[in-house]
Amino acid sequence: MAEVENTDRDRPVDLRSDTVTTPTPGMRAAMARADVGDDVYAEDPTCRALEERVADLLGTEAALFTVTGSLANLLGVRALVKPGAEVLCEARAHIARAELGAHAAVFGVTSRTWSHPRGLVDLAAVRELLAPDAGPYFVSTAAVSVENTHNFGGGSVQPLDSLRALRELTAASGVGVHLDGARLWHACAATGVAPGTYAACADLVSVALSKGLGAPVGSLLAGPAAAIADARVWRKRLGAGWRQAGVLAAAGMYALDHHLDRVAQDHANARALADRLAEVAPGIVEPTGVQTNIVVLDLAAAGIRTGATEVAERARAAGVLVSVLGPTALRLVTHLDVDEAGCRHAGDVLATALK
C-alpha cells in the first residue's frame, strides 16, 4: 500500500524533476534498520536482495546496484560497445545529451543518432544507420540504445511492437540493444506491459529507483550474469564500489514495496496539468500526448513571445519550480512529493505566469 506523499505547503511546488523527492518516513525507517555488509566483497545482504529482486522483476539472470542511472548506462553501453565502435540512439536520448559525453570520454564510444519528435524508435532510420561491419575505414555499429520512457520526448512510451521489431533487426545484424529504462516503471504503469516483457527486448537494461519511485539514490543494470559480473569489476575500477550500501538498497526495496502502485497517480496529475495549461494557452501542449509523468510546454507553438526563462522565474517567484529546456520550452515532472492539490496550485500559478 502506498504511503501518503510528502506534502509541505511551506515548501515550493518543485516540478523540475522526479529526482527532487525526499525519503518518506517509512523509507527512512527502513533505511535505519537495514541489514548491511561490505558490498565490494558482495557481502551486503540488502544489496544482494535488491539485485536479486530487480533481476527477477526484469526476467534477467543478474543485476548490479549503482549510485546513478548515468553509471548504469555507462556500464551497460561499455559491455556492448568496444572502444572505437558506435552506439545508435535517438538525438535527444539521455546517453547522448545528459551524461556529459561520458561514453566517449571514458570508453571511447562514438554515436550516431536518428531524430523523432517524441524520441521514439524509427526502424527505417535505424536500418539505414546500421553498419555492423563497416570495414577498416568507417565506424562499425555495435549497439542501439533506446530510452523508455523518453525523458526529453515528453515521457513518451516506446511501442512494444517497435521494440520487438528493433530486437529482431539488431539480432539479425549481430548488434546489441541497450535499454535505458530509468522510467521503465512509468511505461509499465501506462501500458500494463510487465517490466520483463520490455527487458526481453534488450541485452542489458537499466532502471532507476531515485526518479519515479522516490528513493534518494540508486539505479540498477540488469542482464546476463557474465555481463553483470564484468560490470561489477568496472564499477570498482571507476571508483564506484561502495561498502555498506544496504542502507541505500533498503530505500530501493521500500520503494518497490510501496511506490510502484502509486506511479499512475503521477500520470493523472501530469495529464490534469496539461489539460489546465492547454485550456489557457492552446497549442502549448497536447494533453492526449502526455502518457506518463512528464509535461513539455512549447511556448512558441502557443504563440507566447515571453521566453521560457522569464516564465520560469515568474513561476519561481510564486513558489513553483519548473525546468527550462530551451528558449521556448519548459518541462514539468510530477512525483510523489507533489499531490493533486499541489499540482492544481502549480497549474494556476503557471497559467498566470504564461499570460
Protein backbone atom coordinates (compact mmCIF):
# COMPACT_ATOMS: atom_id res chain seq x y z
CA MET A 1 0.00 0.00 0.00
CA ALA A 2 1.35 3.42 -0.94
CA GLU A 3 2.42 5.74 1.83
CA VAL A 4 1.00 9.26 1.97
CA GLU A 5 3.11 11.57 -0.17
CA ASN A 6 5.48 14.15 1.26
CA THR A 7 3.47 17.38 1.26
CA ASP A 8 4.60 20.57 2.97
CA ARG A 9 2.71 23.68 1.97
CA ASP A 10 5.56 25.90 3.15
CA ARG A 11 7.90 24.38 0.53
CA PRO A 12 7.84 25.28 -3.15
CA VAL A 13 5.96 23.01 -5.52
CA ASP A 14 9.01 21.54 -7.23
CA LEU A 15 8.25 20.13 -10.67
CA ARG A 16 11.79 20.40 -12.06
CA SER A 17 12.30 16.64 -11.91
CA ASP A 18 11.19 13.49 -10.12
CA THR A 19 14.72 13.30 -8.69
CA VAL A 20 13.97 16.02 -6.13
CA THR A 21 11.88 13.81 -3.84
CA THR A 22 12.89 13.21 -0.24
CA PRO A 23 12.52 9.88 1.57
CA THR A 24 9.19 9.33 3.27
CA PRO A 25 9.13 8.50 7.00
CA GLY A 26 8.57 4.83 6.24
CA MET A 27 11.51 4.79 3.84
CA ARG A 28 13.77 6.46 6.41
CA ALA A 29 12.77 3.85 8.97
CA ALA A 30 13.58 1.05 6.53
CA MET A 31 16.99 2.58 5.88
CA ALA A 32 17.72 2.86 9.62
CA ARG A 33 17.08 -0.81 10.24
CA ALA A 34 18.81 -2.16 7.12
CA ASP A 35 20.99 -5.23 7.47
CA VAL A 36 24.35 -4.28 5.93
CA GLY A 37 27.75 -5.65 4.94
CA ASP A 38 30.61 -4.80 2.60
CA ASP A 39 29.26 -4.69 -0.96
CA VAL A 40 32.71 -4.53 -2.57
CA TYR A 41 33.05 -8.07 -1.19
CA ALA A 42 29.48 -8.75 -2.39
CA GLU A 43 28.57 -9.29 1.27
CA ASP A 44 25.87 -6.68 1.78
CA PRO A 45 22.69 -8.75 2.24
CA THR A 46 20.31 -5.91 1.47
CA CYS A 47 22.15 -5.00 -1.74
CA ARG A 48 22.09 -8.62 -2.81
CA ALA A 49 18.39 -8.91 -2.04
CA LEU A 50 17.66 -5.77 -4.08
CA GLU A 51 19.72 -7.00 -7.03
CA GLU A 52 18.00 -10.38 -6.97
CA ARG A 53 14.57 -8.78 -6.74
CA VAL A 54 15.14 -6.44 -9.68
CA ALA A 55 16.66 -9.22 -11.77
CA ASP A 56 13.54 -11.27 -11.05
CA LEU A 57 11.25 -8.34 -11.96
CA LEU A 58 13.07 -7.89 -15.27
CA GLY A 59 13.48 -11.57 -16.01
CA THR A 60 17.28 -11.35 -16.24
CA GLU A 61 19.98 -13.53 -14.73
CA ALA A 62 21.51 -10.83 -12.56
CA ALA A 63 21.54 -7.13 -11.66
CA LEU A 64 24.03 -4.64 -10.22
CA PHE A 65 23.18 -1.75 -7.88
CA THR A 66 24.85 1.53 -8.90
CA VAL A 67 24.86 5.02 -7.49
CA THR A 68 23.33 6.67 -10.59
CA GLY A 69 21.47 5.94 -13.79
CA SER A 70 24.30 7.51 -15.74
CA LEU A 71 26.72 4.96 -14.25
CA ALA A 72 24.35 2.08 -15.01
CA ASN A 73 24.09 3.30 -18.61
CA LEU A 74 27.83 3.81 -18.88
CA LEU A 75 28.48 0.24 -17.74
CA GLY A 76 25.72 -1.14 -19.96
CA VAL A 77 26.87 0.55 -23.15
CA ARG A 78 30.50 -0.36 -22.40
CA ALA A 79 29.54 -4.02 -22.18
CA LEU A 80 28.12 -3.90 -25.70
CA VAL A 81 30.40 -1.43 -27.50
CA LYS A 82 34.17 -1.68 -27.74
CA PRO A 83 36.33 1.48 -27.96
CA GLY A 84 36.12 2.94 -31.44
CA ALA A 85 32.76 1.36 -32.24
CA GLU A 86 29.43 3.18 -32.13
CA VAL A 87 26.07 3.12 -30.41
CA LEU A 88 22.99 4.40 -32.24
CA CYS A 89 20.34 6.34 -30.33
CA GLU A 90 17.69 9.00 -30.73
CA ALA A 91 19.14 12.52 -30.92
CA ARG A 92 17.78 13.63 -27.53
CA ALA A 93 18.48 10.38 -25.70
CA HIS A 94 19.83 10.72 -22.18
CA ILE A 95 23.06 8.91 -23.08
CA ALA A 96 23.67 11.45 -25.87
CA ARG A 97 22.51 14.70 -24.23
CA ALA A 98 22.65 14.38 -20.45
CA GLU A 99 25.62 12.21 -19.47
CA LEU A 100 28.34 14.75 -20.22
CA GLY A 101 29.91 12.78 -23.06
CA ALA A 102 30.96 10.05 -20.61
CA HIS A 103 30.64 7.21 -23.11
CA ALA A 104 33.17 8.86 -25.41
CA ALA A 105 35.36 10.38 -22.69
CA VAL A 106 35.70 7.22 -20.60
CA PHE A 107 35.27 4.31 -23.00
CA GLY A 108 35.95 5.70 -26.48
CA VAL A 109 32.44 5.00 -27.71
CA THR A 110 31.14 7.11 -30.60
CA SER A 111 27.50 7.62 -31.53
CA ARG A 112 25.18 8.46 -34.39
CA THR A 113 21.56 9.42 -33.99
CA TRP A 114 18.14 9.48 -35.59
CA SER A 115 15.51 12.11 -34.74
CA HIS A 116 11.90 11.64 -33.73
CA PRO A 117 9.66 14.38 -32.26
CA ARG A 118 8.67 12.07 -29.40
CA GLY A 119 12.00 10.28 -29.08
CA LEU A 120 10.59 7.02 -30.42
CA VAL A 121 12.31 4.23 -32.32
CA ASP A 122 12.34 4.87 -36.07
CA LEU A 123 13.01 1.46 -37.58
CA ALA A 124 13.62 2.79 -41.08
CA ALA A 125 16.18 5.26 -39.78
CA VAL A 126 17.90 2.63 -37.64
CA ARG A 127 18.04 0.25 -40.60
CA GLU A 128 19.69 2.96 -42.69
CA LEU A 129 22.22 3.80 -39.97
CA LEU A 130 23.18 0.24 -39.05
CA ALA A 131 26.73 -0.61 -40.09
CA PRO A 132 27.67 -3.74 -38.11
CA ASP A 133 30.79 -4.42 -40.16
CA ALA A 134 31.92 -1.14 -41.67
CA GLY A 135 35.41 -2.35 -42.53
CA PRO A 136 38.74 -0.62 -41.86
CA TYR A 137 37.71 2.90 -42.92
CA PHE A 138 34.40 3.55 -41.15
CA VAL A 139 32.93 3.12 -37.67
CA SER A 140 31.08 -0.13 -37.03
CA THR A 141 27.79 -0.24 -35.13
CA ALA A 142 27.89 -2.38 -32.00
CA ALA A 143 24.64 -1.44 -30.25
CA VAL A 144 21.41 0.52 -30.39
CA SER A 145 20.25 2.31 -27.24
CA VAL A 146 16.57 3.03 -26.60
CA GLU A 147 15.11 5.17 -23.79
CA ASN A 148 11.77 4.10 -22.30
CA THR A 149 10.14 6.33 -21.27
CA HIS A 150 11.89 9.05 -23.26
CA ASN A 151 12.68 11.99 -21.00
CA PHE A 152 13.10 14.83 -23.49
CA GLY A 153 10.42 13.32 -25.69
CA GLY A 154 7.91 14.28 -23.01
CA GLY A 155 7.79 11.00 -21.12
CA SER A 156 6.74 9.10 -24.24
CA VAL A 157 6.39 5.33 -24.11
CA GLN A 158 8.15 3.20 -26.73
CA PRO A 159 5.60 0.96 -28.52
CA LEU A 160 6.26 -2.66 -27.65
CA ASP A 161 5.89 -3.74 -31.28
CA SER A 162 8.67 -1.29 -32.27
CA LEU A 163 10.97 -2.63 -29.56
CA ARG A 164 10.38 -6.19 -30.65
CA ALA A 165 10.98 -5.30 -34.29
CA LEU A 166 14.19 -3.50 -33.31
CA ARG A 167 15.33 -6.56 -31.38
CA GLU A 168 14.72 -8.75 -34.42
CA LEU A 169 16.55 -6.32 -36.71
CA THR A 170 19.61 -5.98 -34.47
CA ALA A 171 19.81 -9.70 -33.71
CA ALA A 172 19.98 -10.43 -37.42
CA SER A 173 22.85 -7.94 -37.69
CA GLY A 174 24.76 -9.12 -34.62
CA VAL A 175 24.17 -5.77 -32.91
CA GLY A 176 23.25 -5.43 -29.22
CA VAL A 177 20.42 -3.46 -27.64
CA HIS A 178 20.74 -1.30 -24.51
CA LEU A 179 17.52 -0.18 -22.84
CA ASP A 180 17.73 2.96 -20.73
CA GLY A 181 14.76 2.24 -18.53
CA ALA A 182 15.26 4.97 -15.95
CA ARG A 183 11.48 5.47 -16.03
CA LEU A 184 10.54 1.99 -17.20
CA TRP A 185 8.18 1.71 -14.24
CA HIS A 186 6.17 4.56 -15.77
CA ALA A 187 6.00 2.81 -19.13
CA CYS A 188 4.69 -0.30 -17.37
CA ALA A 189 2.08 1.69 -15.42
CA ALA A 190 0.91 3.46 -18.59
CA THR A 191 0.58 0.33 -20.72
CA GLY A 192 0.14 -2.60 -18.37
CA VAL A 193 3.16 -4.27 -20.00
CA ALA A 194 5.28 -6.18 -17.48
CA PRO A 195 8.86 -4.99 -16.86
CA GLY A 196 10.23 -8.32 -18.01
CA THR A 197 8.42 -8.03 -21.33
CA TYR A 198 10.21 -4.76 -22.06
CA ALA A 199 13.52 -6.09 -20.76
CA ALA A 200 13.28 -9.09 -23.09
CA CYS A 201 13.71 -6.65 -25.99
CA ALA A 202 17.26 -5.78 -24.89
CA ASP A 203 20.59 -7.33 -23.93
CA LEU A 204 21.11 -5.01 -20.98
CA VAL A 205 18.64 -2.74 -19.22
CA SER A 206 18.99 -0.02 -16.59
CA VAL A 207 16.23 1.01 -14.18
CA ALA A 208 16.17 3.83 -11.64
CA LEU A 209 14.88 3.89 -8.09
CA SER A 210 15.58 7.58 -7.47
CA LYS A 211 13.14 9.03 -10.02
CA GLY A 212 9.50 7.99 -10.02
CA LEU A 213 9.92 5.60 -7.09
CA GLY A 214 11.29 8.23 -4.72
CA ALA A 215 14.43 6.56 -3.37
CA PRO A 216 17.24 9.01 -2.52
CA VAL A 217 19.90 7.24 -4.60
CA GLY A 218 20.34 4.39 -6.98
CA SER A 219 19.81 2.58 -10.27
CA LEU A 220 20.45 -0.97 -11.39
CA LEU A 221 21.90 -2.56 -14.51
CA ALA A 222 20.41 -5.94 -15.35
CA GLY A 223 21.27 -8.64 -17.86
CA PRO A 224 23.22 -11.88 -18.29
CA ALA A 225 25.22 -13.00 -15.25
CA ALA A 226 28.57 -12.81 -17.04
CA ALA A 227 27.95 -9.26 -18.24
CA ILE A 228 26.85 -8.13 -14.78
CA ALA A 229 29.90 -9.75 -13.15
CA ASP A 230 32.10 -7.83 -15.58
CA ALA A 231 30.16 -4.62 -14.88
CA ARG A 232 30.83 -5.12 -11.15
CA VAL A 233 34.56 -5.14 -11.89
CA TRP A 234 34.27 -1.99 -13.99
CA ARG A 235 32.15 -0.29 -11.33
CA LYS A 236 35.01 -0.80 -8.89
CA ARG A 237 37.58 0.23 -11.49
CA LEU A 238 35.75 3.54 -11.94
CA GLY A 239 35.91 4.20 -8.20
CA ALA A 240 32.21 3.45 -7.69
CA GLY A 241 32.47 0.43 -5.42
CA TRP A 242 30.65 1.09 -2.19
CA ARG A 243 30.76 -0.55 1.18
CA GLN A 244 27.71 -0.72 3.49
CA ALA A 245 25.36 0.34 0.70
CA GLY A 246 22.50 -1.68 2.15
CA VAL A 247 21.26 1.49 3.82
CA LEU A 248 20.57 2.82 0.32
CA ALA A 249 19.41 -0.51 -1.06
CA ALA A 250 16.81 -0.65 1.72
CA ALA A 251 15.32 2.58 0.38
CA GLY A 252 15.06 0.95 -3.03
CA MET A 253 13.40 -2.15 -1.58
CA TYR A 254 10.92 0.07 0.25
CA ALA A 255 10.21 1.98 -2.95
CA LEU A 256 9.44 -1.24 -4.81
CA ASP A 257 7.16 -2.34 -1.97
CA HIS A 258 5.24 0.91 -1.55
CA HIS A 259 5.66 3.27 -4.51
CA LEU A 260 5.19 1.22 -7.67
CA ASP A 261 1.41 1.16 -7.45
CA ARG A 262 1.12 4.92 -6.97
CA VAL A 263 3.02 5.88 -10.15
CA ALA A 264 -0.28 6.06 -12.04
CA GLN A 265 -1.32 8.96 -9.79
CA ASP A 266 1.62 10.98 -11.10
CA HIS A 267 0.39 10.30 -14.63
CA ALA A 268 -3.07 11.55 -13.73
CA ASN A 269 -1.60 14.69 -12.15
CA ALA A 270 0.54 15.35 -15.23
CA ARG A 271 -2.47 14.97 -17.52
CA ALA A 272 -4.50 17.36 -15.34
CA LEU A 273 -1.69 19.91 -15.54
CA ALA A 274 -1.58 19.55 -19.32
CA ASP A 275 -5.35 19.97 -19.57
CA ARG A 276 -5.25 23.12 -17.44
CA LEU A 277 -2.42 24.76 -19.40
CA ALA A 278 -3.78 23.78 -22.82
CA GLU A 279 -7.02 25.46 -21.82
CA VAL A 280 -5.37 28.82 -21.05
CA ALA A 281 -2.71 28.59 -23.81
CA PRO A 282 -3.96 26.47 -26.72
CA GLY A 283 -1.12 24.74 -28.55
CA ILE A 284 1.31 24.83 -25.63
CA VAL A 285 0.89 21.08 -25.07
CA GLU A 286 -1.26 18.31 -26.49
CA PRO A 287 -2.81 16.71 -23.40
CA THR A 288 -3.54 13.41 -25.14
CA GLY A 289 0.19 13.10 -25.79
CA VAL A 290 1.00 13.18 -22.06
CA GLN A 291 1.40 9.47 -21.41
CA THR A 292 3.29 9.45 -18.14
CA ASN A 293 4.63 11.97 -15.59
CA ILE A 294 6.36 14.50 -17.88
CA VAL A 295 4.77 17.55 -19.49
CA VAL A 296 6.77 19.60 -22.01
CA LEU A 297 5.43 23.07 -22.76
CA ASP A 298 6.13 24.64 -26.15
CA LEU A 299 5.66 28.39 -25.72
CA ALA A 300 6.34 29.17 -29.37
CA ALA A 301 3.65 26.76 -30.55
CA ALA A 302 1.18 28.61 -28.35
CA GLY A 303 2.24 31.97 -29.75
CA ILE A 304 3.69 33.10 -26.42
CA ARG A 305 6.51 35.54 -27.01
CA THR A 306 7.80 35.54 -23.45
CA GLY A 307 10.90 33.36 -23.12
CA ALA A 308 10.95 30.17 -21.10
CA THR A 309 13.43 31.56 -18.59
CA GLU A 310 11.19 34.53 -17.81
CA VAL A 311 8.14 32.31 -17.36
CA ALA A 312 10.13 30.02 -15.07
CA GLU A 313 11.26 32.99 -12.98
CA ARG A 314 7.68 34.24 -12.66
CA ALA A 315 6.60 30.80 -11.50
CA ARG A 316 9.51 30.56 -9.07
CA ALA A 317 8.53 33.88 -7.51
CA ALA A 318 5.10 32.38 -6.87
CA GLY A 319 6.53 29.20 -5.35
CA VAL A 320 6.50 26.81 -8.32
CA LEU A 321 9.73 25.42 -9.80
CA VAL A 322 9.98 24.14 -13.38
CA SER A 323 12.85 23.24 -15.73
CA VAL A 324 13.90 25.30 -18.74
CA LEU A 325 14.71 23.01 -21.68
CA GLY A 326 15.40 25.73 -24.22
CA PRO A 327 14.49 29.29 -25.19
CA THR A 328 10.80 28.42 -25.59
CA ALA A 329 10.45 25.07 -23.82
CA LEU A 330 9.63 24.18 -20.21
CA ARG A 331 9.38 20.78 -18.54
CA LEU A 332 7.16 19.78 -15.63
CA VAL A 333 7.63 16.42 -13.90
CA THR A 334 5.11 15.10 -11.39
CA HIS A 335 6.14 12.86 -8.49
CA LEU A 336 5.23 11.64 -5.02
CA ASP A 337 6.23 14.85 -3.25
CA VAL A 338 3.55 16.88 -5.07
CA ASP A 339 -0.03 15.76 -4.51
CA GLU A 340 -3.12 16.53 -6.58
CA ALA A 341 -3.76 19.79 -4.76
CA GLY A 342 -0.15 20.88 -5.28
CA CYS A 343 -0.44 20.20 -9.00
CA ARG A 344 -3.66 22.21 -9.19
CA HIS A 345 -1.87 25.09 -7.48
CA ALA A 346 1.05 24.77 -9.90
CA GLY A 347 -1.38 24.85 -12.82
CA ASP A 348 -2.91 28.08 -11.55
CA VAL A 349 0.49 29.69 -11.00
CA LEU A 350 1.74 28.70 -14.45
CA ALA A 351 -1.46 29.85 -16.09
CA THR A 352 -0.81 33.31 -14.65
CA ALA A 353 2.91 33.21 -15.49
CA LEU A 354 2.14 32.42 -19.12
CA LYS A 355 -0.08 35.45 -19.61
